[in-house]
Amino acid sequence: GYPLELLARAAAADWRIAEVDVPYLPRRGRS
């Protein structure tokens, strides 16, 4: 839950949040 809580707290603190498209590749090894 860490990344979700981080985003929620950042939004509550009025952080300027931006997204940048990045390529997503097949992972190596087991998920």
PDB file of all heavy atoms in Angstrom:
ATOM      1  N   GLY A   1       0.798  -1.213   0.000  1.00  0.00           N
ATOM      2  CA  GLY A   1       0.000   0.000   0.000  1.00  0.00           C
ATOM      3  C   GLY A   1       0.834   1.267   0.000  1.00  0.00           C
ATOM      4  O   GLY A   1       0.285   2.369  -0.096  1.00  0.00           O
ATOM      5  N   TYR A   2       2.163   1.134   0.081  1.00  0.00           N
ATOM      6  CA  TYR A   2       3.044   2.305   0.184  1.00  0.00           C
ATOM      7  C   TYR A   2       2.843   3.321  -0.945  1.00  0.00           C
ATOM      8  O   TYR A   2       2.656   4.508  -0.673  1.00  0.00           O
ATOM      9  CB  TYR A   2       4.503   1.854   0.246  1.00  0.00           C
ATOM     10  CG  TYR A   2       5.490   2.989   0.345  1.00  0.00           C
ATOM     11  CD1 TYR A   2       5.979   3.406   1.574  1.00  0.00           C
ATOM     12  CD2 TYR A   2       5.933   3.656  -0.799  1.00  0.00           C
ATOM     13  CE1 TYR A   2       6.878   4.465   1.662  1.00  0.00           C
ATOM     14  CE2 TYR A   2       6.820   4.707  -0.717  1.00  0.00           C
ATOM     15  CZ  TYR A   2       7.296   5.106   0.509  1.00  0.00           C
ATOM     16  OH  TYR A   2       8.166   6.167   0.586  1.00  0.00           O
ATOM     17  N   PRO A   3       2.900   2.916  -2.230  1.00  0.00           N
ATOM     18  CA  PRO A   3       2.773   3.937  -3.281  1.00  0.00           C
ATOM     19  C   PRO A   3       1.427   4.632  -3.292  1.00  0.00           C
ATOM     20  O   PRO A   3       1.334   5.826  -3.603  1.00  0.00           O
ATOM     21  CB  PRO A   3       3.008   3.160  -4.583  1.00  0.00           C
ATOM     22  CG  PRO A   3       2.892   1.731  -4.234  1.00  0.00           C
ATOM     23  CD  PRO A   3       3.154   1.578  -2.783  1.00  0.00           C
ATOM     24  N   LEU A   4       0.381   3.924  -2.912  1.00  0.00           N
ATOM     25  CA  LEU A   4      -0.939   4.539  -2.867  1.00  0.00           C
ATOM     26  C   LEU A   4      -1.023   5.546  -1.728  1.00  0.00           C
ATOM     27  O   LEU A   4      -1.526   6.663  -1.905  1.00  0.00           O
ATOM     28  CB  LEU A   4      -2.007   3.456  -2.691  1.00  0.00           C
ATOM     29  CG  LEU A   4      -3.447   3.944  -2.589  1.00  0.00           C
ATOM     30  CD1 LEU A   4      -3.870   4.634  -3.878  1.00  0.00           C
ATOM     31  CD2 LEU A   4      -4.382   2.782  -2.284  1.00  0.00           C
ATOM     32  N   GLU A   5      -0.529   5.165  -0.551  1.00  0.00           N
ATOM     33  CA  GLU A   5      -0.546   6.101   0.574  1.00  0.00           C
ATOM     34  C   GLU A   5       0.299   7.332   0.271  1.00  0.00           C
ATOM     35  O   GLU A   5      -0.079   8.461   0.600  1.00  0.00           O
ATOM     36  CB  GLU A   5      -0.038   5.427   1.844  1.00  0.00           C
ATOM     37  CG  GLU A   5      -0.124   6.346   3.057  1.00  0.00           C
ATOM     38  CD  GLU A   5       0.469   5.760   4.328  1.00  0.00           C
ATOM     39  OE1 GLU A   5       0.747   4.538   4.354  1.00  0.00           O
ATOM     40  OE2 GLU A   5       0.665   6.527   5.288  1.00  0.00           O
ATOM     41  N   LEU A   6       1.429   7.131  -0.399  1.00  0.00           N
ATOM     42  CA  LEU A   6       2.283   8.264  -0.767  1.00  0.00           C
ATOM     43  C   LEU A   6       1.519   9.250  -1.648  1.00  0.00           C
ATOM     44  O   LEU A   6       1.520  10.468  -1.399  1.00  0.00           O
ATOM     45  CB  LEU A   6       3.522   7.752  -1.496  1.00  0.00           C
ATOM     46  CG  LEU A   6       4.635   8.756  -1.826  1.00  0.00           C
ATOM     47  CD1 LEU A   6       5.952   8.030  -1.993  1.00  0.00           C
ATOM     48  CD2 LEU A   6       4.330   9.552  -3.095  1.00  0.00           C
ATOM     49  N   LEU A   7       0.839   8.733  -2.664  1.00  0.00           N
ATOM     50  CA  LEU A   7       0.087   9.611  -3.559  1.00  0.00           C
ATOM     51  C   LEU A   7      -1.056  10.312  -2.832  1.00  0.00           C
ATOM     52  O   LEU A   7      -1.313  11.502  -3.063  1.00  0.00           O
ATOM     53  CB  LEU A   7      -0.450   8.803  -4.740  1.00  0.00           C
ATOM     54  CG  LEU A   7       0.581   8.422  -5.810  1.00  0.00           C
ATOM     55  CD1 LEU A   7       0.033   7.319  -6.700  1.00  0.00           C
ATOM     56  CD2 LEU A   7       0.958   9.646  -6.635  1.00  0.00           C
ATOM     57  N   ALA A   8      -1.750   9.591  -1.963  1.00  0.00           N
ATOM     58  CA  ALA A   8      -2.854  10.191  -1.221  1.00  0.00           C
ATOM     59  C   ALA A   8      -2.355  11.298  -0.301  1.00  0.00           C
ATOM     60  O   ALA A   8      -2.962  12.379  -0.207  1.00  0.00           O
ATOM     61  CB  ALA A   8      -3.592   9.121  -0.418  1.00  0.00           C
ATOM     62  N   ARG A   9      -1.263  11.045   0.397  1.00  0.00           N
ATOM     63  CA  ARG A   9      -0.713  12.073   1.294  1.00  0.00           C
ATOM     64  C   ARG A   9      -0.165  13.262   0.512  1.00  0.00           C
ATOM     65  O   ARG A   9      -0.287  14.411   0.940  1.00  0.00           O
ATOM     66  CB  ARG A   9       0.368  11.462   2.176  1.00  0.00           C
ATOM     67  CG  ARG A   9      -0.165  10.520   3.264  1.00  0.00           C
ATOM     68  CD  ARG A   9       0.944  10.021   4.176  1.00  0.00           C
ATOM     69  NE  ARG A   9       0.410   9.157   5.210  1.00  0.00           N
ATOM     70  CZ  ARG A   9      -0.062   9.589   6.375  1.00  0.00           C
ATOM     71  NH1 ARG A   9      -0.061  10.893   6.644  1.00  0.00           N
ATOM     72  NH2 ARG A   9      -0.525   8.740   7.277  1.00  0.00           N
ATOM     73  N   ALA A  10       0.461  12.989  -0.630  1.00  0.00           N
ATOM     74  CA  ALA A  10       0.972  14.085  -1.452  1.00  0.00           C
ATOM     75  C   ALA A  10      -0.164  14.966  -1.950  1.00  0.00           C
ATOM     76  O   ALA A  10      -0.065  16.202  -1.948  1.00  0.00           O
ATOM     77  CB  ALA A  10       1.768  13.518  -2.624  1.00  0.00           C
ATOM     78  N   ALA A  11      -1.272  14.347  -2.373  1.00  0.00           N
ATOM     79  CA  ALA A  11      -2.423  15.126  -2.824  1.00  0.00           C
ATOM     80  C   ALA A  11      -3.003  15.947  -1.681  1.00  0.00           C
ATOM     81  O   ALA A  11      -3.372  17.123  -1.857  1.00  0.00           O
ATOM     82  CB  ALA A  11      -3.483  14.194  -3.395  1.00  0.00           C
ATOM     83  N   ALA A  12      -3.088  15.353  -0.484  1.00  0.00           N
ATOM     84  CA  ALA A  12      -3.626  16.072   0.673  1.00  0.00           C
ATOM     85  C   ALA A  12      -2.739  17.247   1.058  1.00  0.00           C
ATOM     86  O   ALA A  12      -3.224  18.244   1.608  1.00  0.00           O
ATOM     87  CB  ALA A  12      -3.775  15.115   1.855  1.00  0.00           C
ATOM     88  N   ALA A  13      -1.449  17.137   0.770  1.00  0.00           N
ATOM     89  CA  ALA A  13      -0.505  18.216   1.084  1.00  0.00           C
ATOM     90  C   ALA A  13      -0.393  19.234  -0.051  1.00  0.00           C
ATOM     91  O   ALA A  13       0.482  20.111  -0.010  1.00  0.00           O
ATOM     92  CB  ALA A  13       0.868  17.620   1.389  1.00  0.00           C
ATOM     93  N   ASP A  14      -1.267  19.096  -1.060  1.00  0.00           N
ATOM     94  CA  ASP A  14      -1.279  20.019  -2.204  1.00  0.00           C
ATOM     95  C   ASP A  14       0.018  19.987  -3.012  1.00  0.00           C
ATOM     96  O   ASP A  14       0.437  21.007  -3.564  1.00  0.00           O
ATOM     97  CB  ASP A  14      -1.586  21.454  -1.755  1.00  0.00           C
ATOM     98  CG  ASP A  14      -2.994  21.610  -1.216  1.00  0.00           C
ATOM     99  OD1 ASP A  14      -3.905  20.953  -1.758  1.00  0.00           O
ATOM    100  OD2 ASP A  14      -3.187  22.358  -0.245  1.00  0.00           O
ATOM    101  N   TRP A  15       0.627  18.832  -3.074  1.00  0.00           N
ATOM    102  CA  TRP A  15       1.794  18.693  -3.942  1.00  0.00           C
ATOM    103  C   TRP A  15       1.377  18.813  -5.398  1.00  0.00           C
ATOM    104  O   TRP A  15       0.277  18.415  -5.784  1.00  0.00           O
ATOM    105  CB  TRP A  15       2.438  17.326  -3.739  1.00  0.00           C
ATOM    106  CG  TRP A  15       3.322  17.224  -2.536  1.00  0.00           C
ATOM    107  CD1 TRP A  15       3.258  17.973  -1.390  1.00  0.00           C
ATOM    108  CD2 TRP A  15       4.402  16.303  -2.350  1.00  0.00           C
ATOM    109  NE1 TRP A  15       4.214  17.567  -0.508  1.00  0.00           N
ATOM    110  CE2 TRP A  15       4.937  16.546  -1.062  1.00  0.00           C
ATOM    111  CE3 TRP A  15       4.953  15.294  -3.130  1.00  0.00           C
ATOM    112  CZ2 TRP A  15       6.010  15.816  -0.550  1.00  0.00           C
ATOM    113  CZ3 TRP A  15       6.012  14.556  -2.628  1.00  0.00           C
ATOM    114  CH2 TRP A  15       6.533  14.823  -1.355  1.00  0.00           C
ATOM    115  N   ARG A  16       2.283  19.352  -6.196  1.00  0.00           N
ATOM    116  CA  ARG A  16       2.085  19.373  -7.649  1.00  0.00           C
ATOM    117  C   ARG A  16       2.550  18.013  -8.187  1.00  0.00           C
ATOM    118  O   ARG A  16       3.737  17.722  -8.172  1.00  0.00           O
ATOM    119  CB  ARG A  16       2.890  20.513  -8.266  1.00  0.00           C
ATOM    120  CG  ARG A  16       2.435  21.905  -7.829  1.00  0.00           C
ATOM    121  CD  ARG A  16       3.493  22.943  -8.133  1.00  0.00           C
ATOM    122  NE  ARG A  16       4.723  22.638  -7.409  1.00  0.00           N
ATOM    123  CZ  ARG A  16       5.901  23.215  -7.658  1.00  0.00           C
ATOM    124  NH1 ARG A  16       6.014  24.115  -8.632  1.00  0.00           N
ATOM    125  NH2 ARG A  16       6.971  22.878  -6.943  1.00  0.00           N
ATOM    126  N   ILE A  17       1.577  17.216  -8.626  1.00  0.00           N
ATOM    127  CA  ILE A  17       1.853  15.852  -9.073  1.00  0.00           C
ATOM    128  C   ILE A  17       1.713  15.780 -10.588  1.00  0.00           C
ATOM    129  O   ILE A  17       0.724  16.252 -11.150  1.00  0.00           O
ATOM    130  CB  ILE A  17       0.889  14.858  -8.411  1.00  0.00           C
ATOM    131  CG1 ILE A  17       0.986  14.956  -6.874  1.00  0.00           C
ATOM    132  CG2 ILE A  17       1.173  13.435  -8.868  1.00  0.00           C
ATOM    133  CD1 ILE A  17      -0.076  14.160  -6.148  1.00  0.00           C
ATOM    134  N   ALA A  18       2.691  15.207 -11.245  1.00  0.00           N
ATOM    135  CA  ALA A  18       2.668  15.076 -12.702  1.00  0.00           C
ATOM    136  C   ALA A  18       2.938  13.625 -13.090  1.00  0.00           C
ATOM    137  O   ALA A  18       3.557  12.874 -12.338  1.00  0.00           O
ATOM    138  CB  ALA A  18       3.716  15.988 -13.335  1.00  0.00           C
ATOM    139  N   GLU A  19       2.469  13.245 -14.265  1.00  0.00           N
ATOM    140  CA  GLU A  19       2.738  11.928 -14.826  1.00  0.00           C
ATOM    141  C   GLU A  19       3.529  12.078 -16.120  1.00  0.00           C
ATOM    142  O   GLU A  19       3.286  13.005 -16.894  1.00  0.00           O
ATOM    143  CB  GLU A  19       1.441  11.172 -15.135  1.00  0.00           C
ATOM    144  CG  GLU A  19       0.767  10.569 -13.921  1.00  0.00           C
ATOM    145  CD  GLU A  19      -0.391   9.658 -14.307  1.00  0.00           C
ATOM    146  OE1 GLU A  19      -1.106   9.985 -15.269  1.00  0.00           O
ATOM    147  OE2 GLU A  19      -0.572   8.628 -13.634  1.00  0.00           O
ATOM    148  N   VAL A  20       4.457  11.169 -16.326  1.00  0.00           N
ATOM    149  CA  VAL A  20       5.234  11.103 -17.566  1.00  0.00           C
ATOM    150  C   VAL A  20       5.130   9.678 -18.092  1.00  0.00           C
ATOM    151  O   VAL A  20       5.355   8.715 -17.345  1.00  0.00           O
ATOM    152  CB  VAL A  20       6.709  11.471 -17.311  1.00  0.00           C
ATOM    153  CG1 VAL A  20       7.551  11.213 -18.564  1.00  0.00           C
ATOM    154  CG2 VAL A  20       6.840  12.927 -16.878  1.00  0.00           C
ATOM    155  N   ASP A  21       4.761   9.520 -19.343  1.00  0.00           N
ATOM    156  CA  ASP A  21       4.666   8.182 -19.929  1.00  0.00           C
ATOM    157  C   ASP A  21       6.045   7.515 -19.984  1.00  0.00           C
ATOM    158  O   ASP A  21       7.032   8.136 -20.419  1.00  0.00           O
ATOM    159  CB  ASP A  21       4.094   8.253 -21.339  1.00  0.00           C
ATOM    160  CG  ASP A  21       2.607   8.546 -21.352  1.00  0.00           C
ATOM    161  OD1 ASP A  21       2.002   8.612 -20.261  1.00  0.00           O
ATOM    162  OD2 ASP A  21       2.050   8.704 -22.454  1.00  0.00           O
ATOM    163  N   VAL A  22       6.096   6.259 -19.544  1.00  0.00           N
ATOM    164  CA  VAL A  22       7.334   5.488 -19.623  1.00  0.00           C
ATOM    165  C   VAL A  22       7.014   4.099 -20.183  1.00  0.00           C
ATOM    166  O   VAL A  22       5.934   3.565 -19.932  1.00  0.00           O
ATOM    167  CB  VAL A  22       8.023   5.349 -18.247  1.00  0.00           C
ATOM    168  CG1 VAL A  22       8.488   6.702 -17.730  1.00  0.00           C
ATOM    169  CG2 VAL A  22       7.113   4.678 -17.232  1.00  0.00           C
ATOM    170  N   PRO A  23       7.919   3.512 -20.958  1.00  0.00           N
ATOM    171  CA  PRO A  23       7.666   2.173 -21.491  1.00  0.00           C
ATOM    172  C   PRO A  23       7.685   1.129 -20.379  1.00  0.00           C
ATOM    173  O   PRO A  23       8.489   1.211 -19.447  1.00  0.00           O
ATOM    174  CB  PRO A  23       8.817   1.955 -22.479  1.00  0.00           C
ATOM    175  CG  PRO A  23       9.890   2.902 -22.038  1.00  0.00           C
ATOM    176  CD  PRO A  23       9.202   4.074 -21.441  1.00  0.00           C
ATOM    177  N   TYR A  24       6.777   0.166 -20.478  1.00  0.00           N
ATOM    178  CA  TYR A  24       6.689  -0.920 -19.503  1.00  0.00           C
ATOM    179  C   TYR A  24       7.020  -2.210 -20.214  1.00  0.00           C
ATOM    180  O   TYR A  24       6.369  -2.590 -21.196  1.00  0.00           O
ATOM    181  CB  TYR A  24       5.288  -0.959 -18.911  1.00  0.00           C
ATOM    182  CG  TYR A  24       5.169  -1.785 -17.652  1.00  0.00           C
ATOM    183  CD1 TYR A  24       6.049  -1.621 -16.590  1.00  0.00           C
ATOM    184  CD2 TYR A  24       4.156  -2.733 -17.527  1.00  0.00           C
ATOM    185  CE1 TYR A  24       5.932  -2.364 -15.432  1.00  0.00           C
ATOM    186  CE2 TYR A  24       4.027  -3.490 -16.363  1.00  0.00           C
ATOM    187  CZ  TYR A  24       4.921  -3.292 -15.321  1.00  0.00           C
ATOM    188  OH  TYR A  24       4.803  -4.045 -14.170  1.00  0.00           O
ATOM    189  N   LEU A  25       8.033  -2.900 -19.724  1.00  0.00           N
ATOM    190  CA  LEU A  25       8.601  -4.068 -20.390  1.00  0.00           C
ATOM    191  C   LEU A  25       8.270  -5.339 -19.611  1.00  0.00           C
ATOM    192  O   LEU A  25       7.942  -5.280 -18.418  1.00  0.00           O
ATOM    193  CB  LEU A  25      10.129  -3.909 -20.475  1.00  0.00           C
ATOM    194  CG  LEU A  25      10.636  -2.573 -21.016  1.00  0.00           C
ATOM    195  CD1 LEU A  25      12.137  -2.443 -20.794  1.00  0.00           C
ATOM    196  CD2 LEU A  25      10.298  -2.449 -22.499  1.00  0.00           C
ATOM    197  N   PRO A  26       8.365  -6.507 -20.241  1.00  0.00           N
ATOM    198  CA  PRO A  26       8.181  -7.752 -19.495  1.00  0.00           C
ATOM    199  C   PRO A  26       9.245  -7.882 -18.413  1.00  0.00           C
ATOM    200  O   PRO A  26      10.441  -7.699 -18.676  1.00  0.00           O
ATOM    201  CB  PRO A  26       8.358  -8.837 -20.569  1.00  0.00           C
ATOM    202  CG  PRO A  26       8.091  -8.151 -21.865  1.00  0.00           C
ATOM    203  CD  PRO A  26       8.588  -6.744 -21.683  1.00  0.00           C
ATOM    204  N   ARG A  27       8.814  -8.149 -17.196  1.00  0.00           N
ATOM    205  CA  ARG A  27       9.764  -8.274 -16.103  1.00  0.00           C
ATOM    206  C   ARG A  27      10.588  -9.545 -16.278  1.00  0.00           C
ATOM    207  O   ARG A  27      10.185 -10.488 -16.962  1.00  0.00           O
ATOM    208  CB  ARG A  27       9.057  -8.286 -14.754  1.00  0.00           C
ATOM    209  CG  ARG A  27       8.118  -9.448 -14.523  1.00  0.00           C
ATOM    210  CD  ARG A  27       7.851  -9.678 -13.036  1.00  0.00           C
ATOM    211  NE  ARG A  27       9.053 -10.189 -12.400  1.00  0.00           N
ATOM    212  CZ  ARG A  27       9.553  -9.730 -11.268  1.00  0.00           C
ATOM    213  NH1 ARG A  27       8.971  -8.738 -10.627  1.00  0.00           N
ATOM    214  NH2 ARG A  27      10.645 -10.250 -10.752  1.00  0.00           N
ATOM    215  N   ARG A  28      11.752  -9.564 -15.644  1.00  0.00           N
ATOM    216  CA  ARG A  28      12.595 -10.754 -15.641  1.00  0.00           C
ATOM    217  C   ARG A  28      12.433 -11.443 -14.289  1.00  0.00           C
ATOM    218  O   ARG A  28      12.652 -10.833 -13.253  1.00  0.00           O
ATOM    219  CB  ARG A  28      14.053 -10.386 -15.879  1.00  0.00           C
ATOM    220  CG  ARG A  28      14.261  -9.646 -17.196  1.00  0.00           C
ATOM    221  CD  ARG A  28      15.717  -9.413 -17.507  1.00  0.00           C
ATOM    222  NE  ARG A  28      15.858  -8.591 -18.713  1.00  0.00           N
ATOM    223  CZ  ARG A  28      17.018  -8.309 -19.288  1.00  0.00           C
ATOM    224  NH1 ARG A  28      18.142  -8.786 -18.783  1.00  0.00           N
ATOM    225  NH2 ARG A  28      17.052  -7.545 -20.380  1.00  0.00           N
ATOM    226  N   GLY A  29      12.054 -12.707 -14.313  1.00  0.00           N
ATOM    227  CA  GLY A  29      11.825 -13.422 -13.064  1.00  0.00           C
ATOM    228  C   GLY A  29      10.353 -13.446 -12.715  1.00  0.00           C
ATOM    229  O   GLY A  29       9.490 -12.963 -13.450  1.00  0.00           O
ATOM    230  N   ARG A  30      10.056 -13.995 -11.535  1.00  0.00           N
ATOM    231  CA  ARG A  30       8.670 -14.212 -11.104  1.00  0.00           C
ATOM    232  C   ARG A  30       8.102 -12.976 -10.430  1.00  0.00           C
ATOM    233  O   ARG A  30       8.745 -12.356  -9.595  1.00  0.00           O
ATOM    234  CB  ARG A  30       8.635 -15.396 -10.122  1.00  0.00           C
ATOM    235  CG  ARG A  30       7.252 -15.768  -9.629  1.00  0.00           C
ATOM    236  CD  ARG A  30       7.340 -16.956  -8.680  1.00  0.00           C
ATOM    237  NE  ARG A  30       8.148 -16.648  -7.516  1.00  0.00           N
ATOM    238  CZ  ARG A  30       7.666 -16.050  -6.408  1.00  0.00           C
ATOM    239  NH1 ARG A  30       6.399 -15.692  -6.356  1.00  0.00           N
ATOM    240  NH2 ARG A  30       8.460 -15.812  -5.384  1.00  0.00           N
ATOM    241  N   SER A  31       6.870 -12.608 -10.779  1.00  0.00           N
ATOM    242  CA  SER A  31       6.187 -11.498 -10.133  1.00  0.00           C
ATOM    243  C   SER A  31       5.780 -11.872  -8.720  1.00  0.00           C
ATOM    244  O   SER A  31       5.313 -12.972  -8.469  1.00  0.00           O
ATOM    245  CB  SER A  31       4.942 -11.097 -10.931  1.00  0.00           C
ATOM    246  OG  SER A  31       4.203 -10.127 -10.223  1.00  0.00           O
TER     247      SER A  31
END
